Amino acid sequence: MMTTDHTNPAQCDIGQLFLEGRGWGFGGSVDIEPTNPWNAAGRYCWVGGTRTAAYVIPATGAVTILLTQVAAMGPVPAPVIREFWWYAADA
């Protein structure tokens, strides 16, 4: 239940920019659409206010952790953070 999407379509529409293809379980976000190359069905995560994040992909056993102190200036992560996830998806 913690890693299963529980958002309804109306909530996804409202938070579309912030969610970027993710929904929410009881413990963090869950990928529901492949909107970016690093999104994977069933991947779940927690992202903090300074974009420190941990992602887990149960299907592959992959775990990625990004430790950063880049303040969130809006719903879209800074380019350097998006680049990290791009390269992590290729690993």
Protein backbone atom coordinates (compact mmCIF):
# COMPACT_ATOMS: atom_id res chain seq x y z
CA MET A 1 0.00 0.00 0.00
CA MET A 2 2.90 2.36 0.71
CA THR A 3 4.25 2.06 -2.83
CA THR A 4 0.96 1.91 -4.73
CA ASP A 5 -0.49 5.03 -6.34
CA HIS A 6 -3.55 6.31 -4.46
CA THR A 7 -4.13 9.60 -6.32
CA ASN A 8 -7.34 9.99 -8.27
CA PRO A 9 -7.52 11.52 -11.78
CA ALA A 10 -8.62 14.94 -10.46
CA GLN A 11 -5.65 15.10 -8.09
CA CYS A 12 -3.28 14.11 -10.91
CA ASP A 13 -4.68 16.87 -13.13
CA ILE A 14 -4.27 19.51 -10.41
CA GLY A 15 -0.70 18.47 -9.60
CA GLN A 16 0.42 17.64 -13.14
CA LEU A 17 3.42 20.02 -13.19
CA PHE A 18 4.61 18.94 -9.75
CA LEU A 19 3.98 15.23 -10.19
CA GLU A 20 5.58 14.73 -13.65
CA GLY A 21 4.06 11.29 -14.22
CA ARG A 22 3.97 10.28 -10.58
CA GLY A 23 1.23 9.62 -8.10
CA TRP A 24 1.37 9.15 -4.33
CA GLY A 25 1.35 6.08 -2.14
CA PHE A 26 1.27 6.09 1.65
CA GLY A 27 5.02 6.66 1.90
CA GLY A 28 6.10 8.73 -1.10
CA SER A 29 5.68 9.16 -4.81
CA VAL A 30 5.18 6.32 -7.29
CA ASP A 31 5.87 6.43 -11.04
CA ILE A 32 2.69 5.88 -13.05
CA GLU A 33 3.67 7.27 -16.50
CA PRO A 34 6.95 7.25 -18.45
CA THR A 35 7.12 11.05 -18.77
CA ASN A 36 10.93 11.08 -18.49
CA PRO A 37 13.55 8.48 -19.45
CA TRP A 38 14.22 7.76 -15.78
CA ASN A 39 10.59 7.00 -14.87
CA ALA A 40 9.92 3.28 -14.46
CA ALA A 41 6.61 1.68 -13.64
CA GLY A 42 6.56 0.86 -9.94
CA ARG A 43 9.54 3.07 -9.05
CA TYR A 44 8.91 4.88 -5.78
CA CYS A 45 10.74 7.60 -3.93
CA TRP A 46 10.94 10.40 -1.46
CA VAL A 47 12.31 13.82 -2.44
CA GLY A 48 13.12 16.46 0.16
CA GLY A 49 12.92 20.24 -0.11
CA THR A 50 16.58 20.51 -1.12
CA ARG A 51 16.06 17.77 -3.73
CA THR A 52 17.88 15.11 -1.73
CA ALA A 53 16.17 11.97 -3.00
CA ALA A 54 16.08 8.20 -2.85
CA TYR A 55 14.44 6.08 -5.56
CA VAL A 56 13.82 2.33 -5.58
CA ILE A 57 12.84 0.21 -8.58
CA PRO A 58 11.63 -3.10 -7.12
CA ALA A 59 11.51 -4.86 -10.53
CA THR A 60 15.25 -4.40 -11.10
CA GLY A 61 16.52 -3.98 -7.55
CA ALA A 62 18.00 -0.60 -8.47
CA VAL A 63 18.41 1.98 -5.72
CA THR A 64 19.56 5.53 -6.50
CA ILE A 65 20.31 8.18 -3.91
CA LEU A 66 21.07 11.81 -4.64
CA LEU A 67 22.43 13.95 -1.81
CA THR A 68 22.26 17.63 -2.66
CA GLN A 69 21.56 21.00 -1.13
CA VAL A 70 19.99 22.65 -4.19
CA ALA A 71 16.96 24.52 -2.91
CA ALA A 72 13.70 23.84 -4.70
CA MET A 73 12.88 27.07 -6.49
CA GLY A 74 9.78 25.59 -8.10
CA PRO A 75 8.18 22.28 -8.99
CA VAL A 76 10.73 21.42 -11.71
CA PRO A 77 14.18 20.29 -10.52
CA ALA A 78 17.33 22.20 -11.54
CA PRO A 79 19.05 20.95 -14.73
CA VAL A 80 21.93 19.34 -12.81
CA ILE A 81 19.44 17.22 -10.86
CA ARG A 82 17.58 16.14 -13.99
CA GLU A 83 20.94 15.21 -15.54
CA PHE A 84 21.74 13.00 -12.54
CA TRP A 85 18.49 11.05 -12.98
CA TRP A 86 19.09 10.83 -16.74
CA TYR A 87 22.51 9.18 -16.18
CA ALA A 88 21.22 7.02 -13.33
CA ALA A 89 18.53 5.61 -15.66
CA ASP A 90 21.25 4.47 -18.09
CA ALA A 91 23.27 2.68 -15.42
